Amino acid sequence: MAKKFTYRGKTIEELKQMSVREFAEFVPARQRRSLKRGFTDAQKLLLKKLKTKQNVETHCRDMAILPEMVGKIIKVHDGKSFVIVSITEEMLGHCLGEFVLTRRKVSHSAPGIGATRSSASLSVR
């Protein structure tokens, strides 16, 4: 038998029926403070788009993941492109930006001519 998901003792169905203020009492302090202050205009627009469309592109990396977002696909901007994030129950209470990394590993190729002292003696041909 598969274990049923609960978030702080509440099932996903119970969480979806809660208001944002009630859900804010279950999340960590950083997200609780953000939710109690209210949504920004960009966050309100994101929630409105999520009710109608499936794939939504957003720059709102600081948006807390709410129960109504579970099961949706959101494209979050990483500074260069949009990365697809599929929202699951385990992501509740986290921010969207936590799942999209903004920095990549730098891998350099071989040094060019003039990059080191030893390359000065090489022929250019």
N, C-alpha and C. Protein backbone atom coordinates (compact mmCIF):
# COMPACT_ATOMS: atom_id res chain seq x y z
N MET A 1 0.84 -1.18 0.00
CA MET A 1 0.00 0.00 0.00
C MET A 1 0.89 1.25 0.00
N ALA A 2 0.60 2.16 -0.89
CA ALA A 2 1.38 3.38 -1.00
C ALA A 2 1.03 4.33 0.13
N LYS A 3 2.06 5.00 0.64
CA LYS A 3 1.84 5.95 1.72
C LYS A 3 1.22 7.23 1.17
N LYS A 4 0.16 7.71 1.82
CA LYS A 4 -0.53 8.91 1.38
C LYS A 4 0.27 10.13 1.82
N PHE A 5 0.40 11.10 0.91
CA PHE A 5 1.18 12.29 1.20
C PHE A 5 0.46 13.19 2.21
N THR A 6 1.20 13.66 3.20
CA THR A 6 0.68 14.66 4.14
C THR A 6 1.74 15.75 4.30
N TYR A 7 1.27 16.97 4.46
CA TYR A 7 2.15 18.11 4.73
C TYR A 7 1.77 18.64 6.10
N ARG A 8 2.66 18.40 7.06
CA ARG A 8 2.43 18.81 8.45
C ARG A 8 1.10 18.29 8.99
N GLY A 9 0.78 17.03 8.64
CA GLY A 9 -0.41 16.38 9.15
C GLY A 9 -1.68 16.60 8.34
N LYS A 10 -1.61 17.34 7.27
CA LYS A 10 -2.78 17.62 6.42
C LYS A 10 -2.60 16.97 5.06
N THR A 11 -3.67 16.40 4.53
CA THR A 11 -3.62 15.83 3.18
C THR A 11 -3.70 16.95 2.15
N ILE A 12 -3.39 16.60 0.91
CA ILE A 12 -3.39 17.61 -0.16
C ILE A 12 -4.80 18.15 -0.40
N GLU A 13 -5.81 17.31 -0.22
CA GLU A 13 -7.20 17.77 -0.40
C GLU A 13 -7.57 18.80 0.67
N GLU A 14 -7.14 18.56 1.91
CA GLU A 14 -7.42 19.51 2.99
C GLU A 14 -6.69 20.81 2.77
N LEU A 15 -5.45 20.73 2.26
CA LEU A 15 -4.67 21.93 2.00
C LEU A 15 -5.27 22.77 0.88
N LYS A 16 -5.81 22.10 -0.15
CA LYS A 16 -6.41 22.84 -1.28
C LYS A 16 -7.66 23.60 -0.86
N GLN A 17 -8.35 23.13 0.17
CA GLN A 17 -9.57 23.80 0.63
C GLN A 17 -9.27 24.96 1.58
N MET A 18 -8.02 25.07 2.05
CA MET A 18 -7.65 26.16 2.95
C MET A 18 -7.46 27.46 2.18
N SER A 19 -7.61 28.57 2.88
CA SER A 19 -7.27 29.86 2.29
C SER A 19 -5.76 30.04 2.38
N VAL A 20 -5.25 31.07 1.72
CA VAL A 20 -3.81 31.32 1.74
C VAL A 20 -3.36 31.66 3.15
N ARG A 21 -4.16 32.41 3.89
CA ARG A 21 -3.82 32.77 5.28
C ARG A 21 -3.72 31.54 6.17
N GLU A 22 -4.65 30.59 6.01
CA GLU A 22 -4.62 29.38 6.81
C GLU A 22 -3.42 28.52 6.43
N PHE A 23 -3.11 28.43 5.12
CA PHE A 23 -1.96 27.65 4.67
C PHE A 23 -0.66 28.27 5.16
N ALA A 24 -0.62 29.60 5.30
CA ALA A 24 0.58 30.30 5.74
C ALA A 24 1.02 29.84 7.13
N GLU A 25 0.09 29.37 7.95
CA GLU A 25 0.45 28.91 9.29
C GLU A 25 1.24 27.61 9.27
N PHE A 26 1.23 26.88 8.15
CA PHE A 26 1.91 25.60 8.06
C PHE A 26 3.29 25.68 7.43
N VAL A 27 3.59 26.78 6.75
CA VAL A 27 4.87 26.88 6.02
C VAL A 27 5.95 27.47 6.93
N PRO A 28 7.22 27.36 6.54
CA PRO A 28 8.31 27.95 7.32
C PRO A 28 8.18 29.47 7.42
N ALA A 29 8.93 30.05 8.33
CA ALA A 29 8.79 31.47 8.68
C ALA A 29 9.00 32.41 7.50
N ARG A 30 9.98 32.13 6.65
CA ARG A 30 10.27 33.03 5.52
C ARG A 30 9.07 33.12 4.58
N GLN A 31 8.49 31.98 4.22
CA GLN A 31 7.35 31.97 3.32
C GLN A 31 6.10 32.49 4.05
N ARG A 32 5.98 32.21 5.34
CA ARG A 32 4.83 32.69 6.11
C ARG A 32 4.78 34.21 6.10
N ARG A 33 5.92 34.84 6.30
CA ARG A 33 5.98 36.30 6.29
C ARG A 33 5.63 36.84 4.92
N SER A 34 6.13 36.19 3.89
CA SER A 34 5.85 36.62 2.52
C SER A 34 4.35 36.49 2.20
N LEU A 35 3.74 35.39 2.60
CA LEU A 35 2.32 35.17 2.31
C LEU A 35 1.43 36.12 3.11
N LYS A 36 1.80 36.41 4.35
CA LYS A 36 0.99 37.32 5.17
C LYS A 36 1.05 38.76 4.67
N ARG A 37 2.16 39.14 4.04
CA ARG A 37 2.28 40.49 3.50
C ARG A 37 1.44 40.67 2.25
N GLY A 38 1.08 39.57 1.60
CA GLY A 38 0.28 39.65 0.38
C GLY A 38 1.13 39.42 -0.84
N PHE A 39 0.46 39.15 -1.95
CA PHE A 39 1.15 38.88 -3.20
C PHE A 39 1.49 40.17 -3.92
N THR A 40 2.61 40.13 -4.67
CA THR A 40 2.94 41.26 -5.53
C THR A 40 2.07 41.17 -6.79
N ASP A 41 2.12 42.20 -7.62
CA ASP A 41 1.32 42.19 -8.84
C ASP A 41 1.72 41.04 -9.77
N ALA A 42 3.03 40.77 -9.85
CA ALA A 42 3.51 39.68 -10.71
C ALA A 42 3.04 38.33 -10.17
N GLN A 43 3.02 38.17 -8.86
CA GLN A 43 2.56 36.91 -8.27
C GLN A 43 1.06 36.72 -8.46
N LYS A 44 0.30 37.80 -8.36
CA LYS A 44 -1.14 37.72 -8.61
C LYS A 44 -1.42 37.31 -10.05
N LEU A 45 -0.64 37.88 -10.99
CA LEU A 45 -0.79 37.54 -12.40
C LEU A 45 -0.44 36.08 -12.65
N LEU A 46 0.59 35.58 -11.97
CA LEU A 46 0.97 34.17 -12.12
C LEU A 46 -0.15 33.25 -11.64
N LEU A 47 -0.75 33.54 -10.49
CA LEU A 47 -1.84 32.71 -9.98
C LEU A 47 -3.05 32.74 -10.90
N LYS A 48 -3.31 33.91 -11.49
CA LYS A 48 -4.43 34.05 -12.42
C LYS A 48 -4.20 33.22 -13.69
N LYS A 49 -2.96 33.25 -14.21
CA LYS A 49 -2.63 32.48 -15.41
C LYS A 49 -2.68 30.98 -15.13
N LEU A 50 -2.28 30.57 -13.92
CA LEU A 50 -2.26 29.14 -13.58
C LEU A 50 -3.66 28.54 -13.56
N LYS A 51 -4.67 29.36 -13.30
CA LYS A 51 -6.04 28.85 -13.27
C LYS A 51 -6.56 28.55 -14.67
N THR A 52 -6.00 29.22 -15.69
CA THR A 52 -6.50 29.03 -17.04
C THR A 52 -5.56 28.21 -17.92
N LYS A 53 -4.26 28.47 -17.85
CA LYS A 53 -3.31 27.81 -18.74
C LYS A 53 -2.51 26.75 -17.99
N GLN A 54 -1.91 25.82 -18.76
CA GLN A 54 -1.10 24.76 -18.17
C GLN A 54 0.37 25.18 -18.10
N ASN A 55 0.97 25.52 -19.23
CA ASN A 55 2.38 25.93 -19.26
C ASN A 55 2.46 27.44 -19.13
N VAL A 56 2.99 27.91 -18.01
CA VAL A 56 3.07 29.34 -17.75
C VAL A 56 4.53 29.70 -17.56
N GLU A 57 4.98 30.75 -18.24
CA GLU A 57 6.34 31.26 -18.06
C GLU A 57 6.31 32.38 -17.04
N THR A 58 7.31 32.38 -16.13
CA THR A 58 7.32 33.41 -15.10
C THR A 58 8.75 33.79 -14.70
N HIS A 59 8.88 35.00 -14.22
CA HIS A 59 10.13 35.49 -13.65
C HIS A 59 10.03 35.51 -12.13
N CYS A 60 8.88 35.14 -11.57
CA CYS A 60 8.64 35.17 -10.12
C CYS A 60 9.32 33.99 -9.43
N ARG A 61 10.61 34.13 -9.19
CA ARG A 61 11.35 33.06 -8.52
C ARG A 61 11.06 33.03 -7.03
N ASP A 62 10.55 34.13 -6.48
CA ASP A 62 10.29 34.21 -5.04
C ASP A 62 8.88 33.77 -4.65
N MET A 63 8.12 33.27 -5.61
CA MET A 63 6.75 32.84 -5.34
C MET A 63 6.75 31.53 -4.55
N ALA A 64 6.06 31.52 -3.41
CA ALA A 64 5.94 30.30 -2.61
C ALA A 64 5.00 29.34 -3.32
N ILE A 65 5.31 28.06 -3.25
CA ILE A 65 4.48 27.05 -3.91
C ILE A 65 3.28 26.74 -3.03
N LEU A 66 2.09 26.96 -3.58
CA LEU A 66 0.83 26.78 -2.88
C LEU A 66 0.18 25.46 -3.29
N PRO A 67 -0.77 24.96 -2.50
CA PRO A 67 -1.44 23.70 -2.85
C PRO A 67 -2.17 23.73 -4.19
N GLU A 68 -2.67 24.89 -4.61
CA GLU A 68 -3.38 24.97 -5.89
C GLU A 68 -2.44 24.84 -7.09
N MET A 69 -1.12 24.93 -6.86
CA MET A 69 -0.15 24.81 -7.94
C MET A 69 0.26 23.35 -8.20
N VAL A 70 -0.06 22.45 -7.28
CA VAL A 70 0.39 21.06 -7.39
C VAL A 70 -0.19 20.42 -8.65
N GLY A 71 0.67 19.77 -9.41
CA GLY A 71 0.27 19.13 -10.66
C GLY A 71 0.43 20.01 -11.88
N LYS A 72 0.78 21.27 -11.70
CA LYS A 72 0.95 22.19 -12.83
C LYS A 72 2.39 22.16 -13.32
N ILE A 73 2.59 22.67 -14.53
CA ILE A 73 3.93 22.82 -15.09
C ILE A 73 4.19 24.30 -15.27
N ILE A 74 5.28 24.77 -14.68
CA ILE A 74 5.64 26.19 -14.72
C ILE A 74 7.04 26.31 -15.30
N LYS A 75 7.23 27.27 -16.19
CA LYS A 75 8.55 27.55 -16.74
C LYS A 75 9.11 28.75 -15.97
N VAL A 76 10.19 28.53 -15.24
CA VAL A 76 10.78 29.56 -14.38
C VAL A 76 12.06 30.06 -15.05
N HIS A 77 12.25 31.38 -15.04
CA HIS A 77 13.41 32.00 -15.69
C HIS A 77 14.64 31.83 -14.82
N ASP A 78 15.76 31.42 -15.44
CA ASP A 78 17.00 31.25 -14.68
C ASP A 78 18.02 32.34 -14.99
N GLY A 79 17.61 33.39 -15.66
CA GLY A 79 18.50 34.48 -16.01
C GLY A 79 18.85 34.48 -17.48
N LYS A 80 18.71 33.34 -18.14
CA LYS A 80 19.02 33.24 -19.56
C LYS A 80 17.87 32.60 -20.33
N SER A 81 17.27 31.57 -19.77
CA SER A 81 16.19 30.87 -20.44
C SER A 81 15.17 30.41 -19.41
N PHE A 82 14.08 29.82 -19.90
CA PHE A 82 13.04 29.31 -19.02
C PHE A 82 13.24 27.81 -18.83
N VAL A 83 13.25 27.37 -17.57
CA VAL A 83 13.45 25.97 -17.23
C VAL A 83 12.12 25.39 -16.77
N ILE A 84 11.77 24.23 -17.29
CA ILE A 84 10.49 23.60 -16.95
C ILE A 84 10.55 22.99 -15.56
N VAL A 85 9.57 23.34 -14.72
CA VAL A 85 9.46 22.79 -13.37
C VAL A 85 8.07 22.18 -13.24
N SER A 86 8.01 20.90 -12.92
CA SER A 86 6.74 20.22 -12.67
C SER A 86 6.51 20.22 -11.17
N ILE A 87 5.44 20.84 -10.71
CA ILE A 87 5.18 21.01 -9.29
C ILE A 87 4.61 19.73 -8.70
N THR A 88 5.24 19.24 -7.63
CA THR A 88 4.76 18.05 -6.92
C THR A 88 4.42 18.42 -5.48
N GLU A 89 3.83 17.48 -4.75
CA GLU A 89 3.41 17.75 -3.38
C GLU A 89 4.58 18.03 -2.45
N GLU A 90 5.73 17.42 -2.71
CA GLU A 90 6.89 17.60 -1.85
C GLU A 90 7.47 19.01 -1.93
N MET A 91 7.09 19.78 -2.95
CA MET A 91 7.61 21.13 -3.15
C MET A 91 6.83 22.17 -2.35
N LEU A 92 5.74 21.80 -1.71
CA LEU A 92 4.91 22.77 -0.98
C LEU A 92 5.75 23.52 0.05
N GLY A 93 5.54 24.84 0.11
CA GLY A 93 6.24 25.66 1.08
C GLY A 93 7.59 26.17 0.61
N HIS A 94 8.10 25.65 -0.50
CA HIS A 94 9.37 26.13 -1.05
C HIS A 94 9.08 27.24 -2.05
N CYS A 95 10.14 27.91 -2.51
CA CYS A 95 10.01 28.93 -3.55
C CYS A 95 10.34 28.32 -4.91
N LEU A 96 9.80 28.91 -5.97
CA LEU A 96 10.05 28.40 -7.32
C LEU A 96 11.53 28.47 -7.68
N GLY A 97 12.22 29.51 -7.24
CA GLY A 97 13.62 29.69 -7.59
C GLY A 97 14.54 28.63 -7.00
N GLU A 98 14.10 27.91 -5.97
CA GLU A 98 14.93 26.88 -5.37
C GLU A 98 15.13 25.69 -6.30
N PHE A 99 14.27 25.53 -7.28
CA PHE A 99 14.32 24.37 -8.16
C PHE A 99 14.93 24.68 -9.51
N VAL A 100 15.35 25.95 -9.72
CA VAL A 100 15.98 26.35 -10.97
C VAL A 100 17.29 27.05 -10.62
N LEU A 101 18.40 26.41 -10.97
CA LEU A 101 19.70 26.98 -10.64
C LEU A 101 20.07 28.09 -11.61
N THR A 102 20.70 29.14 -11.09
CA THR A 102 21.07 30.28 -11.92
C THR A 102 22.52 30.23 -12.35
N ARG A 103 23.31 29.38 -11.73
CA ARG A 103 24.73 29.31 -12.06
C ARG A 103 25.06 27.94 -12.62
N ARG A 104 25.90 27.93 -13.64
CA ARG A 104 26.31 26.68 -14.27
C ARG A 104 27.79 26.45 -14.02
N LYS A 105 28.22 25.22 -14.15
CA LYS A 105 29.62 24.89 -14.01
C LYS A 105 30.37 25.43 -15.21
N VAL A 106 31.49 26.08 -14.97
CA VAL A 106 32.30 26.63 -16.04
C VAL A 106 33.31 25.59 -16.46
N SER A 107 33.33 25.28 -17.74
CA SER A 107 34.33 24.35 -18.27
C SER A 107 35.08 25.06 -19.40
N HIS A 108 36.38 25.20 -19.21
CA HIS A 108 37.21 25.90 -20.20
C HIS A 108 37.85 24.89 -21.15
N SER A 109 38.09 25.34 -22.35
CA SER A 109 38.80 24.49 -23.31
C SER A 109 40.30 24.73 -23.15
N ALA A 110 41.09 24.28 -24.08
CA ALA A 110 42.54 24.46 -24.02
C ALA A 110 42.88 25.95 -24.15
N PRO A 111 43.97 26.39 -23.52
CA PRO A 111 44.33 27.80 -23.61
C PRO A 111 44.73 28.19 -25.03
N GLY A 112 44.48 29.42 -25.39
CA GLY A 112 44.81 29.90 -26.73
C GLY A 112 46.23 30.42 -26.82
N ILE A 113 46.57 30.91 -27.98
CA ILE A 113 47.92 31.44 -28.20
C ILE A 113 48.05 32.74 -27.42
N GLY A 114 49.15 32.86 -26.67
CA GLY A 114 49.38 34.05 -25.88
C GLY A 114 48.79 33.96 -24.49
N ALA A 115 48.17 32.85 -24.15
CA ALA A 115 47.56 32.72 -22.85
C ALA A 115 48.60 32.40 -21.78
N THR A 116 49.65 31.70 -22.15
CA THR A 116 50.70 31.35 -21.19
C THR A 116 52.05 31.76 -21.75
N ARG A 117 53.08 31.77 -20.90
CA ARG A 117 54.43 32.16 -21.34
C ARG A 117 54.99 31.13 -22.33
N SER A 118 54.65 29.87 -22.14
CA SER A 118 55.21 28.85 -23.02
C SER A 118 54.60 28.90 -24.41
N SER A 119 53.43 29.48 -24.55
CA SER A 119 52.80 29.54 -25.87
C SER A 119 53.40 30.62 -26.75
N ALA A 120 54.24 31.49 -26.19
CA ALA A 120 54.86 32.55 -26.98
C ALA A 120 55.86 31.98 -27.97
N SER A 121 56.46 30.81 -27.63
CA SER A 121 57.48 30.24 -28.50
C SER A 121 56.86 29.38 -29.61
N LEU A 122 55.56 29.11 -29.57
CA LEU A 122 54.90 28.32 -30.60
C LEU A 122 54.74 29.12 -31.88
N SER A 123 54.74 28.43 -33.01
CA SER A 123 54.52 29.13 -34.26
C SER A 123 53.03 29.36 -34.46
N VAL A 124 52.67 30.42 -35.12
CA VAL A 124 51.28 30.80 -35.31
C VAL A 124 50.65 29.96 -36.41
N ARG A 125 51.44 29.44 -37.32
CA ARG A 125 50.93 28.64 -38.43
C ARG A 125 50.32 27.44 -37.91
